[in-house]
Amino acid sequence: MIEVSWTELTGITIPVGFLALLLLYFKPNKAYPIILLFFGFFITLVTSVNASAILLVLNNDPSVSGSVAGGLFIFPVLGILAYAGLLHLVKDKLRRPLGYKTYVKEK
């Protein structure tokens, strides 16, 4: 089994998140793609950590006990927040019909 720690997975997520926050502050029109990239990394991280935690619990792995058990409560909450944030960002794009134009034609 390949073991990957959450610190290795967050190596790219945290800097992209800070970059997205800076762009959101200084250039909000250009920040949307970077924010989506951040949410993509973050959702991938949280989903993989939650899936591995579920498998560890189902297999009665002894490494889940002790101080590690706190992550069994924290990461599902982070997952819910990440999915809710992504759905909030793309909710307008999900409601648009196919072929919807985002630009306005000049007269």
PDB file of N, CA and C in Angstrom:
ATOM      1  N   MET A   1       0.839  -1.179   0.000  1.00  0.00           N
ATOM      2  CA  MET A   1       0.000   0.000   0.000  1.00  0.00           C
ATOM      3  C   MET A   1       0.885   1.245   0.000  1.00  0.00           C
ATOM      4  N   ILE A   2       0.544   2.204  -0.806  1.00  0.00           N
ATOM      5  CA  ILE A   2       1.292   3.449  -0.895  1.00  0.00           C
ATOM      6  C   ILE A   2       0.764   4.403   0.168  1.00  0.00           C
ATOM      7  N   GLU A   3       1.667   4.915   0.983  1.00  0.00           N
ATOM      8  CA  GLU A   3       1.262   5.857   2.010  1.00  0.00           C
ATOM      9  C   GLU A   3       1.715   7.255   1.612  1.00  0.00           C
ATOM     10  N   VAL A   4       0.781   8.183   1.654  1.00  0.00           N
ATOM     11  CA  VAL A   4       1.064   9.578   1.359  1.00  0.00           C
ATOM     12  C   VAL A   4       0.518  10.388   2.520  1.00  0.00           C
ATOM     13  N   SER A   5       1.355  11.190   3.130  1.00  0.00           N
ATOM     14  CA  SER A   5       0.883  11.983   4.263  1.00  0.00           C
ATOM     15  C   SER A   5       0.147  13.218   3.758  1.00  0.00           C
ATOM     16  N   TRP A   6      -0.701  13.768   4.613  1.00  0.00           N
ATOM     17  CA  TRP A   6      -1.476  14.933   4.205  1.00  0.00           C
ATOM     18  C   TRP A   6      -0.590  16.145   4.018  1.00  0.00           C
ATOM     19  N   THR A   7       0.586  16.160   4.643  1.00  0.00           N
ATOM     20  CA  THR A   7       1.486  17.301   4.444  1.00  0.00           C
ATOM     21  C   THR A   7       2.064  17.301   3.035  1.00  0.00           C
ATOM     22  N   GLU A   8       2.265  16.118   2.458  1.00  0.00           N
ATOM     23  CA  GLU A   8       2.742  16.061   1.078  1.00  0.00           C
ATOM     24  C   GLU A   8       1.659  16.517   0.116  1.00  0.00           C
ATOM     25  N   LEU A   9       0.413  16.180   0.419  1.00  0.00           N
ATOM     26  CA  LEU A   9      -0.686  16.571  -0.464  1.00  0.00           C
ATOM     27  C   LEU A   9      -0.991  18.058  -0.377  1.00  0.00           C
ATOM     28  N   THR A  10      -0.766  18.665   0.783  1.00  0.00           N
ATOM     29  CA  THR A  10      -1.052  20.089   0.920  1.00  0.00           C
ATOM     30  C   THR A  10       0.093  20.948   0.419  1.00  0.00           C
ATOM     31  N   GLY A  11       1.162  20.351  -0.064  1.00  0.00           N
ATOM     32  CA  GLY A  11       2.311  21.110  -0.536  1.00  0.00           C
ATOM     33  C   GLY A  11       1.974  22.083  -1.638  1.00  0.00           C
ATOM     34  N   ILE A  12       1.022  21.761  -2.493  1.00  0.00           N
ATOM     35  CA  ILE A  12       0.622  22.668  -3.567  1.00  0.00           C
ATOM     36  C   ILE A  12      -0.679  23.385  -3.235  1.00  0.00           C
ATOM     37  N   THR A  13      -1.509  22.802  -2.399  1.00  0.00           N
ATOM     38  CA  THR A  13      -2.828  23.370  -2.124  1.00  0.00           C
ATOM     39  C   THR A  13      -2.737  24.681  -1.365  1.00  0.00           C
ATOM     40  N   ILE A  14      -1.925  24.744  -0.335  1.00  0.00           N
ATOM     41  CA  ILE A  14      -1.834  25.949   0.491  1.00  0.00           C
ATOM     42  C   ILE A  14      -1.281  27.141  -0.309  1.00  0.00           C
ATOM     43  N   PRO A  15      -0.177  27.000  -1.058  1.00  0.00           N
ATOM     44  CA  PRO A  15       0.284  28.157  -1.842  1.00  0.00           C
ATOM     45  C   PRO A  15      -0.719  28.613  -2.899  1.00  0.00           C
ATOM     46  N   VAL A  16      -1.402  27.681  -3.530  1.00  0.00           N
ATOM     47  CA  VAL A  16      -2.412  28.073  -4.525  1.00  0.00           C
ATOM     48  C   VAL A  16      -3.561  28.803  -3.843  1.00  0.00           C
ATOM     49  N   GLY A  17      -3.927  28.378  -2.637  1.00  0.00           N
ATOM     50  CA  GLY A  17      -4.974  29.070  -1.888  1.00  0.00           C
ATOM     51  C   GLY A  17      -4.587  30.496  -1.540  1.00  0.00           C
ATOM     52  N   PHE A  18      -3.339  30.699  -1.099  1.00  0.00           N
ATOM     53  CA  PHE A  18      -2.880  32.055  -0.799  1.00  0.00           C
ATOM     54  C   PHE A  18      -2.812  32.909  -2.060  1.00  0.00           C
ATOM     55  N   LEU A  19      -2.362  32.311  -3.163  1.00  0.00           N
ATOM     56  CA  LEU A  19      -2.329  33.042  -4.430  1.00  0.00           C
ATOM     57  C   LEU A  19      -3.736  33.437  -4.855  1.00  0.00           C
ATOM     58  N   ALA A  20      -4.696  32.528  -4.678  1.00  0.00           N
ATOM     59  CA  ALA A  20      -6.079  32.835  -5.028  1.00  0.00           C
ATOM     60  C   ALA A  20      -6.630  33.962  -4.164  1.00  0.00           C
ATOM     61  N   LEU A  21      -6.296  33.962  -2.872  1.00  0.00           N
ATOM     62  CA  LEU A  21      -6.764  35.048  -2.005  1.00  0.00           C
ATOM     63  C   LEU A  21      -6.166  36.391  -2.401  1.00  0.00           C
ATOM     64  N   LEU A  22      -4.873  36.399  -2.738  1.00  0.00           N
ATOM     65  CA  LEU A  22      -4.247  37.652  -3.177  1.00  0.00           C
ATOM     66  C   LEU A  22      -4.859  38.150  -4.480  1.00  0.00           C
ATOM     67  N   LEU A  23      -5.067  37.258  -5.424  1.00  0.00           N
ATOM     68  CA  LEU A  23      -5.702  37.663  -6.685  1.00  0.00           C
ATOM     69  C   LEU A  23      -7.133  38.126  -6.462  1.00  0.00           C
ATOM     70  N   LEU A  24      -7.828  37.490  -5.537  1.00  0.00           N
ATOM     71  CA  LEU A  24      -9.199  37.899  -5.240  1.00  0.00           C
ATOM     72  C   LEU A  24      -9.222  39.318  -4.681  1.00  0.00           C
ATOM     73  N   TYR A  25      -8.197  39.677  -3.933  1.00  0.00           N
ATOM     74  CA  TYR A  25      -8.130  41.021  -3.360  1.00  0.00           C
ATOM     75  C   TYR A  25      -7.708  42.058  -4.397  1.00  0.00           C
ATOM     76  N   PHE A  26      -6.669  41.750  -5.188  1.00  0.00           N
ATOM     77  CA  PHE A  26      -6.124  42.739  -6.104  1.00  0.00           C
ATOM     78  C   PHE A  26      -6.778  42.719  -7.483  1.00  0.00           C
ATOM     79  N   LYS A  27      -7.070  41.537  -8.019  1.00  0.00           N
ATOM     80  CA  LYS A  27      -7.666  41.422  -9.354  1.00  0.00           C
ATOM     81  C   LYS A  27      -8.807  40.405  -9.305  1.00  0.00           C
ATOM     82  N   PRO A  28      -9.967  40.814  -8.793  1.00  0.00           N
ATOM     83  CA  PRO A  28     -11.048  39.841  -8.608  1.00  0.00           C
ATOM     84  C   PRO A  28     -11.568  39.233  -9.914  1.00  0.00           C
ATOM     85  N   ASN A  29     -11.451  39.922 -11.027  1.00  0.00           N
ATOM     86  CA  ASN A  29     -11.951  39.368 -12.290  1.00  0.00           C
ATOM     87  C   ASN A  29     -11.093  38.213 -12.794  1.00  0.00           C
ATOM     88  N   LYS A  30      -9.805  38.217 -12.453  1.00  0.00           N
ATOM     89  CA  LYS A  30      -8.903  37.167 -12.920  1.00  0.00           C
ATOM     90  C   LYS A  30      -8.709  36.048 -11.907  1.00  0.00           C
ATOM     91  N   ALA A  31      -9.307  36.168 -10.736  1.00  0.00           N
ATOM     92  CA  ALA A  31      -9.077  35.205  -9.661  1.00  0.00           C
ATOM     93  C   ALA A  31      -9.902  33.932  -9.800  1.00  0.00           C
ATOM     94  N   TYR A  32     -10.986  33.958 -10.566  1.00  0.00           N
ATOM     95  CA  TYR A  32     -11.909  32.824 -10.621  1.00  0.00           C
ATOM     96  C   TYR A  32     -11.237  31.504 -11.039  1.00  0.00           C
ATOM     97  N   PRO A  33     -10.432  31.470 -12.107  1.00  0.00           N
ATOM     98  CA  PRO A  33      -9.787  30.200 -12.473  1.00  0.00           C
ATOM     99  C   PRO A  33      -8.827  29.672 -11.407  1.00  0.00           C
ATOM    100  N   ILE A  34      -8.101  30.570 -10.743  1.00  0.00           N
ATOM    101  CA  ILE A  34      -7.169  30.132  -9.699  1.00  0.00           C
ATOM    102  C   ILE A  34      -7.929  29.599  -8.491  1.00  0.00           C
ATOM    103  N   ILE A  35      -9.056  30.221  -8.169  1.00  0.00           N
ATOM    104  CA  ILE A  35      -9.874  29.735  -7.051  1.00  0.00           C
ATOM    105  C   ILE A  35     -10.431  28.360  -7.373  1.00  0.00           C
ATOM    106  N   LEU A  36     -10.852  28.148  -8.615  1.00  0.00           N
ATOM    107  CA  LEU A  36     -11.326  26.813  -9.006  1.00  0.00           C
ATOM    108  C   LEU A  36     -10.202  25.784  -8.940  1.00  0.00           C
ATOM    109  N   LEU A  37      -8.991  26.187  -9.308  1.00  0.00           N
ATOM    110  CA  LEU A  37      -7.840  25.295  -9.193  1.00  0.00           C
ATOM    111  C   LEU A  37      -7.577  24.939  -7.733  1.00  0.00           C
ATOM    112  N   PHE A  38      -7.664  25.934  -6.849  1.00  0.00           N
ATOM    113  CA  PHE A  38      -7.495  25.689  -5.416  1.00  0.00           C
ATOM    114  C   PHE A  38      -8.548  24.703  -4.908  1.00  0.00           C
ATOM    115  N   PHE A  39      -9.807  24.918  -5.277  1.00  0.00           N
ATOM    116  CA  PHE A  39     -10.846  24.009  -4.822  1.00  0.00           C
ATOM    117  C   PHE A  39     -10.657  22.609  -5.406  1.00  0.00           C
ATOM    118  N   GLY A  40     -10.149  22.517  -6.629  1.00  0.00           N
ATOM    119  CA  GLY A  40      -9.870  21.208  -7.208  1.00  0.00           C
ATOM    120  C   GLY A  40      -8.816  20.451  -6.417  1.00  0.00           C
ATOM    121  N   PHE A  41      -7.720  21.134  -6.077  1.00  0.00           N
ATOM    122  CA  PHE A  41      -6.689  20.501  -5.261  1.00  0.00           C
ATOM    123  C   PHE A  41      -7.220  20.137  -3.878  1.00  0.00           C
ATOM    124  N   PHE A  42      -7.963  21.063  -3.279  1.00  0.00           N
ATOM    125  CA  PHE A  42      -8.436  20.860  -1.920  1.00  0.00           C
ATOM    126  C   PHE A  42      -9.453  19.727  -1.847  1.00  0.00           C
ATOM    127  N   ILE A  43     -10.345  19.650  -2.820  1.00  0.00           N
ATOM    128  CA  ILE A  43     -11.335  18.568  -2.832  1.00  0.00           C
ATOM    129  C   ILE A  43     -10.658  17.232  -3.084  1.00  0.00           C
ATOM    130  N   THR A  44      -9.645  17.209  -3.943  1.00  0.00           N
ATOM    131  CA  THR A  44      -8.894  15.978  -4.162  1.00  0.00           C
ATOM    132  C   THR A  44      -8.210  15.525  -2.876  1.00  0.00           C
ATOM    133  N   LEU A  45      -7.604  16.461  -2.171  1.00  0.00           N
ATOM    134  CA  LEU A  45      -6.942  16.151  -0.911  1.00  0.00           C
ATOM    135  C   LEU A  45      -7.921  15.609   0.119  1.00  0.00           C
ATOM    136  N   VAL A  46      -9.014  16.314   0.332  1.00  0.00           N
ATOM    137  CA  VAL A  46      -9.969  15.926   1.364  1.00  0.00           C
ATOM    138  C   VAL A  46     -10.643  14.608   1.010  1.00  0.00           C
ATOM    139  N   THR A  47     -10.966  14.394  -0.257  1.00  0.00           N
ATOM    140  CA  THR A  47     -11.611  13.149  -0.664  1.00  0.00           C
ATOM    141  C   THR A  47     -10.678  11.960  -0.459  1.00  0.00           C
ATOM    142  N   SER A  48      -9.410  12.115  -0.802  1.00  0.00           N
ATOM    143  CA  SER A  48      -8.476  10.995  -0.629  1.00  0.00           C
ATOM    144  C   SER A  48      -8.216  10.698   0.843  1.00  0.00           C
ATOM    145  N   VAL A  49      -8.115  11.742   1.665  1.00  0.00           N
ATOM    146  CA  VAL A  49      -7.900  11.525   3.095  1.00  0.00           C
ATOM    147  C   VAL A  49      -9.122  10.868   3.722  1.00  0.00           C
ATOM    148  N   ASN A  50     -10.319  11.324   3.356  1.00  0.00           N
ATOM    149  CA  ASN A  50     -11.537  10.720   3.906  1.00  0.00           C
ATOM    150  C   ASN A  50     -11.710   9.278   3.441  1.00  0.00           C
ATOM    151  N   ALA A  51     -11.379   8.996   2.189  1.00  0.00           N
ATOM    152  CA  ALA A  51     -11.499   7.617   1.693  1.00  0.00           C
ATOM    153  C   ALA A  51     -10.523   6.692   2.414  1.00  0.00           C
ATOM    154  N   SER A  52      -9.294   7.153   2.623  1.00  0.00           N
ATOM    155  CA  SER A  52      -8.339   6.304   3.335  1.00  0.00           C
ATOM    156  C   SER A  52      -8.742   6.134   4.796  1.00  0.00           C
ATOM    157  N   ALA A  53      -9.324   7.170   5.419  1.00  0.00           N
ATOM    158  CA  ALA A  53      -9.789   7.048   6.806  1.00  0.00           C
ATOM    159  C   ALA A  53     -10.938   6.059   6.918  1.00  0.00           C
ATOM    160  N   ILE A  54     -11.831   6.062   5.938  1.00  0.00           N
ATOM    161  CA  ILE A  54     -12.942   5.099   5.947  1.00  0.00           C
ATOM    162  C   ILE A  54     -12.407   3.677   5.847  1.00  0.00           C
ATOM    163  N   LEU A  55     -11.431   3.460   4.973  1.00  0.00           N
ATOM    164  CA  LEU A  55     -10.855   2.128   4.845  1.00  0.00           C
ATOM    165  C   LEU A  55     -10.114   1.697   6.109  1.00  0.00           C
ATOM    166  N   LEU A  56      -9.422   2.625   6.754  1.00  0.00           N
ATOM    167  CA  LEU A  56      -8.736   2.295   7.996  1.00  0.00           C
ATOM    168  C   LEU A  56      -9.725   1.914   9.091  1.00  0.00           C
ATOM    169  N   VAL A  57     -10.820   2.620   9.171  1.00  0.00           N
ATOM    170  CA  VAL A  57     -11.827   2.306  10.187  1.00  0.00           C
ATOM    171  C   VAL A  57     -12.498   0.970   9.882  1.00  0.00           C
ATOM    172  N   LEU A  58     -12.809   0.725   8.617  1.00  0.00           N
ATOM    173  CA  LEU A  58     -13.457  -0.539   8.252  1.00  0.00           C
ATOM    174  C   LEU A  58     -12.552  -1.744   8.494  1.00  0.00           C
ATOM    175  N   ASN A  59     -11.240  -1.558   8.352  1.00  0.00           N
ATOM    176  CA  ASN A  59     -10.293  -2.653   8.567  1.00  0.00           C
ATOM    177  C   ASN A  59      -9.808  -2.740  10.013  1.00  0.00           C
ATOM    178  N   ASN A  60     -10.390  -1.932  10.914  1.00  0.00           N
ATOM    179  CA  ASN A  60     -10.004  -1.908  12.326  1.00  0.00           C
ATOM    180  C   ASN A  60      -8.502  -1.720  12.508  1.00  0.00           C
ATOM    181  N   ASP A  61      -7.947  -0.794  11.787  1.00  0.00           N
ATOM    182  CA  ASP A  61      -6.520  -0.514  11.856  1.00  0.00           C
ATOM    183  C   ASP A  61      -6.180   0.140  13.199  1.00  0.00           C
ATOM    184  N   PRO A  62      -5.169  -0.353  13.903  1.00  0.00           N
ATOM    185  CA  PRO A  62      -4.832   0.238  15.205  1.00  0.00           C
ATOM    186  C   PRO A  62      -4.225   1.638  15.109  1.00  0.00           C
ATOM    187  N   SER A  63      -3.791   2.048  13.931  1.00  0.00           N
ATOM    188  CA  SER A  63      -3.193   3.379  13.795  1.00  0.00           C
ATOM    189  C   SER A  63      -4.222   4.500  13.858  1.00  0.00           C
ATOM    190  N   VAL A  64      -5.496   4.156  13.856  1.00  0.00           N
ATOM    191  CA  VAL A  64      -6.544   5.173  13.896  1.00  0.00           C
ATOM    192  C   VAL A  64      -6.811   5.643  15.327  1.00  0.00           C
ATOM    193  N   SER A  65      -6.387   4.896  16.301  1.00  0.00           N
ATOM    194  CA  SER A  65      -6.657   5.260  17.693  1.00  0.00           C
ATOM    195  C   SER A  65      -5.707   6.355  18.168  1.00  0.00           C
ATOM    196  N   GLY A  66      -6.023   6.953  19.269  1.00  0.00           N
ATOM    197  CA  GLY A  66      -5.158   7.959  19.871  1.00  0.00           C
ATOM    198  C   GLY A  66      -5.353   9.334  19.290  1.00  0.00           C
ATOM    199  N   SER A  67      -4.255  10.048  19.103  1.00  0.00           N
ATOM    200  CA  SER A  67      -4.336  11.434  18.645  1.00  0.00           C
ATOM    201  C   SER A  67      -4.736  11.533  17.173  1.00  0.00           C
ATOM    202  N   VAL A  68      -4.580  10.479  16.422  1.00  0.00           N
ATOM    203  CA  VAL A  68      -4.948  10.484  15.002  1.00  0.00           C
ATOM    204  C   VAL A  68      -6.463  10.478  14.832  1.00  0.00           C
ATOM    205  N   ALA A  69      -7.176   9.999  15.837  1.00  0.00           N
ATOM    206  CA  ALA A  69      -8.625   9.879  15.732  1.00  0.00           C
ATOM    207  C   ALA A  69      -9.309  11.231  15.581  1.00  0.00           C
ATOM    208  N   GLY A  70      -8.667  12.313  15.966  1.00  0.00           N
ATOM    209  CA  GLY A  70      -9.254  13.639  15.793  1.00  0.00           C
ATOM    210  C   GLY A  70      -9.470  13.994  14.330  1.00  0.00           C
ATOM    211  N   GLY A  71      -8.612  13.468  13.463  1.00  0.00           N
ATOM    212  CA  GLY A  71      -8.770  13.706  12.040  1.00  0.00           C
ATOM    213  C   GLY A  71     -10.012  13.078  11.455  1.00  0.00           C
ATOM    214  N   LEU A  72     -10.553  12.072  12.140  1.00  0.00           N
ATOM    215  CA  LEU A  72     -11.786  11.442  11.664  1.00  0.00           C
ATOM    216  C   LEU A  72     -12.975  12.391  11.762  1.00  0.00           C
ATOM    217  N   PHE A  73     -12.858  13.422  12.569  1.00  0.00           N
ATOM    218  CA  PHE A  73     -13.925  14.412  12.686  1.00  0.00           C
ATOM    219  C   PHE A  73     -13.621  15.678  11.900  1.00  0.00           C
ATOM    220  N   ILE A  74     -12.349  16.026  11.810  1.00  0.00           N
ATOM    221  CA  ILE A  74     -11.971  17.287  11.163  1.00  0.00           C
ATOM    222  C   ILE A  74     -12.086  17.204   9.642  1.00  0.00           C
ATOM    223  N   PHE A  75     -11.560  16.138   9.045  1.00  0.00           N
ATOM    224  CA  PHE A  75     -11.532  16.073   7.583  1.00  0.00           C
ATOM    225  C   PHE A  75     -12.914  15.919   6.942  1.00  0.00           C
ATOM    226  N   PRO A  76     -13.870  15.200   7.528  1.00  0.00           N
ATOM    227  CA  PRO A  76     -15.216  15.239   6.933  1.00  0.00           C
ATOM    228  C   PRO A  76     -15.834  16.643   6.952  1.00  0.00           C
ATOM    229  N   VAL A  77     -15.576  17.400   8.015  1.00  0.00           N
ATOM    230  CA  VAL A  77     -16.080  18.774   8.074  1.00  0.00           C
ATOM    231  C   VAL A  77     -15.411  19.625   6.999  1.00  0.00           C
ATOM    232  N   LEU A  78     -14.090  19.463   6.827  1.00  0.00           N
ATOM    233  CA  LEU A  78     -13.398  20.184   5.755  1.00  0.00           C
ATOM    234  C   LEU A  78     -13.924  19.777   4.379  1.00  0.00           C
ATOM    235  N   GLY A  79     -14.257  18.497   4.220  1.00  0.00           N
ATOM    236  CA  GLY A  79     -14.818  18.030   2.957  1.00  0.00           C
ATOM    237  C   GLY A  79     -16.160  18.669   2.663  1.00  0.00           C
ATOM    238  N   ILE A  80     -16.999  18.751   3.672  1.00  0.00           N
ATOM    239  CA  ILE A  80     -18.315  19.383   3.484  1.00  0.00           C
ATOM    240  C   ILE A  80     -18.144  20.856   3.127  1.00  0.00           C
ATOM    241  N   LEU A  81     -17.233  21.539   3.820  1.00  0.00           N
ATOM    242  CA  LEU A  81     -16.986  22.949   3.508  1.00  0.00           C
ATOM    243  C   LEU A  81     -16.417  23.137   2.105  1.00  0.00           C
ATOM    244  N   ALA A  82     -15.519  22.245   1.692  1.00  0.00           N
ATOM    245  CA  ALA A  82     -14.920  22.367   0.354  1.00  0.00           C
ATOM    246  C   ALA A  82     -15.956  22.134  -0.738  1.00  0.00           C
ATOM    247  N   TYR A  83     -16.764  21.087  -0.592  1.00  0.00           N
ATOM    248  CA  TYR A  83     -17.800  20.827  -1.603  1.00  0.00           C
ATOM    249  C   TYR A  83     -18.845  21.931  -1.621  1.00  0.00           C
ATOM    250  N   ALA A  84     -19.221  22.455  -0.436  1.00  0.00           N
ATOM    251  CA  ALA A  84     -20.189  23.551  -0.382  1.00  0.00           C
ATOM    252  C   ALA A  84     -19.624  24.807  -1.036  1.00  0.00           C
ATOM    253  N   GLY A  85     -18.349  25.104  -0.795  1.00  0.00           N
ATOM    254  CA  GLY A  85     -17.718  26.264  -1.423  1.00  0.00           C
ATOM    255  C   GLY A  85     -17.634  26.137  -2.927  1.00  0.00           C
ATOM    256  N   LEU A  86     -17.292  24.944  -3.412  1.00  0.00           N
ATOM    257  CA  LEU A  86     -17.228  24.742  -4.862  1.00  0.00           C
ATOM    258  C   LEU A  86     -18.609  24.867  -5.492  1.00  0.00           C
ATOM    259  N   LEU A  87     -19.620  24.278  -4.868  1.00  0.00           N
ATOM    260  CA  LEU A  87     -20.972  24.403  -5.410  1.00  0.00           C
ATOM    261  C   LEU A  87     -21.451  25.844  -5.381  1.00  0.00           C
ATOM    262  N   HIS A  88     -21.055  26.599  -4.378  1.00  0.00           N
ATOM    263  CA  HIS A  88     -21.413  28.017  -4.325  1.00  0.00           C
ATOM    264  C   HIS A  88     -20.756  28.792  -5.467  1.00  0.00           C
ATOM    265  N   LEU A  89     -19.518  28.435  -5.800  1.00  0.00           N
ATOM    266  CA  LEU A  89     -18.821  29.122  -6.890  1.00  0.00           C
ATOM    267  C   LEU A  89     -19.400  28.815  -8.255  1.00  0.00           C
ATOM    268  N   VAL A  90     -19.833  27.589  -8.470  1.00  0.00           N
ATOM    269  CA  VAL A  90     -20.275  27.190  -9.809  1.00  0.00           C
ATOM    270  C   VAL A  90     -21.795  27.084  -9.941  1.00  0.00           C
ATOM    271  N   LYS A  91     -22.546  27.517  -8.936  1.00  0.00           N
ATOM    272  CA  LYS A  91     -24.000  27.345  -8.992  1.00  0.00           C
ATOM    273  C   LYS A  91     -24.621  28.109 -10.163  1.00  0.00           C
ATOM    274  N   ASP A  92     -24.096  29.277 -10.490  1.00  0.00           N
ATOM    275  CA  ASP A  92     -24.649  30.029 -11.620  1.00  0.00           C
ATOM    276  C   ASP A  92     -24.325  29.349 -12.943  1.00  0.00           C
ATOM    277  N   LYS A  93     -23.165  28.750 -13.041  1.00  0.00           N
ATOM    278  CA  LYS A  93     -22.790  28.062 -14.275  1.00  0.00           C
ATOM    279  C   LYS A  93     -23.575  26.768 -14.458  1.00  0.00           C
ATOM    280  N   LEU A  94     -23.996  26.151 -13.363  1.00  0.00           N
ATOM    281  CA  LEU A  94     -24.776  24.923 -13.464  1.00  0.00           C
ATOM    282  C   LEU A  94     -26.199  25.179 -13.939  1.00  0.00           C
ATOM    283  N   ARG A  95     -26.729  26.370 -13.671  1.00  0.00           N
ATOM    284  CA  ARG A  95     -28.107  26.690 -14.048  1.00  0.00           C
ATOM    285  C   ARG A  95     -28.248  27.191 -15.480  1.00  0.00           C
ATOM    286  N   ARG A  96     -27.153  27.554 -16.111  1.00  0.00           N
ATOM    287  CA  ARG A  96     -27.223  28.102 -17.466  1.00  0.00           C
ATOM    288  C   ARG A  96     -27.575  27.013 -18.473  1.00  0.00           C
ATOM    289  N   PRO A  97     -28.401  27.352 -19.465  1.00  0.00           N
ATOM    290  CA  PRO A  97     -28.690  26.367 -20.511  1.00  0.00           C
ATOM    291  C   PRO A  97     -27.485  26.185 -21.435  1.00  0.00           C
ATOM    292  N   LEU A  98     -27.479  25.093 -22.168  1.00  0.00           N
ATOM    293  CA  LEU A  98     -26.389  24.852 -23.118  1.00  0.00           C
ATOM    294  C   LEU A  98     -26.389  25.925 -24.195  1.00  0.00           C
ATOM    295  N   GLY A  99     -25.233  26.372 -24.559  1.00  0.00           N
ATOM    296  CA  GLY A  99     -25.107  27.394 -25.591  1.00  0.00           C
ATOM    297  C   GLY A  99     -25.279  28.809 -25.069  1.00  0.00           C
ATOM    298  N   TYR A 100     -25.367  28.980 -23.759  1.00  0.00           N
ATOM    299  CA  TYR A 100     -25.525  30.310 -23.167  1.00  0.00           C
ATOM    300  C   TYR A 100     -24.260  31.113 -23.374  1.00  0.00           C
ATOM    301  N   LYS A 101     -24.404  32.312 -23.853  1.00  0.00           N
ATOM    302  CA  LYS A 101     -23.256  33.181 -24.115  1.00  0.00           C
ATOM    303  C   LYS A 101     -23.018  34.070 -22.900  1.00  0.00           C
ATOM    304  N   THR A 102     -21.763  34.164 -22.469  1.00  0.00           N
ATOM    305  CA  THR A 102     -21.432  34.975 -21.303  1.00  0.00           C
ATOM    306  C   THR A 102     -21.077  36.414 -21.686  1.00  0.00           C
ATOM    307  N   TYR A 103     -20.924  36.682 -22.959  1.00  0.00           N
ATOM    308  CA  TYR A 103     -20.567  38.030 -23.374  1.00  0.00           C
ATOM    309  C   TYR A 103     -21.802  38.735 -23.896  1.00  0.00           C
ATOM    310  N   VAL A 104     -21.735  40.047 -23.922  1.00  0.00           N
ATOM    311  CA  VAL A 104     -22.844  40.873 -24.418  1.00  0.00           C
ATOM    312  C   VAL A 104     -22.434  41.432 -25.780  1.00  0.00           C
ATOM    313  N   LYS A 105     -23.284  41.243 -26.766  1.00  0.00           N
ATOM    314  CA  LYS A 105     -22.992  41.767 -28.103  1.00  0.00           C
ATOM    315  C   LYS A 105     -23.223  43.270 -28.121  1.00  0.00           C
ATOM    316  N   GLU A 106     -22.298  43.966 -28.751  1.00  0.00           N
ATOM    317  CA  GLU A 106     -22.462  45.413 -28.882  1.00  0.00           C
ATOM    318  C   GLU A 106     -23.381  45.712 -30.035  1.00  0.00           C
ATOM    319  N   LYS A 107     -24.135  46.801 -29.887  1.00  0.00           N
ATOM    320  CA  LYS A 107     -25.091  47.192 -30.941  1.00  0.00           C
ATOM    321  C   LYS A 107     -24.458  48.087 -31.945  1.00  0.00           C
TER     322      LYS A 107
END
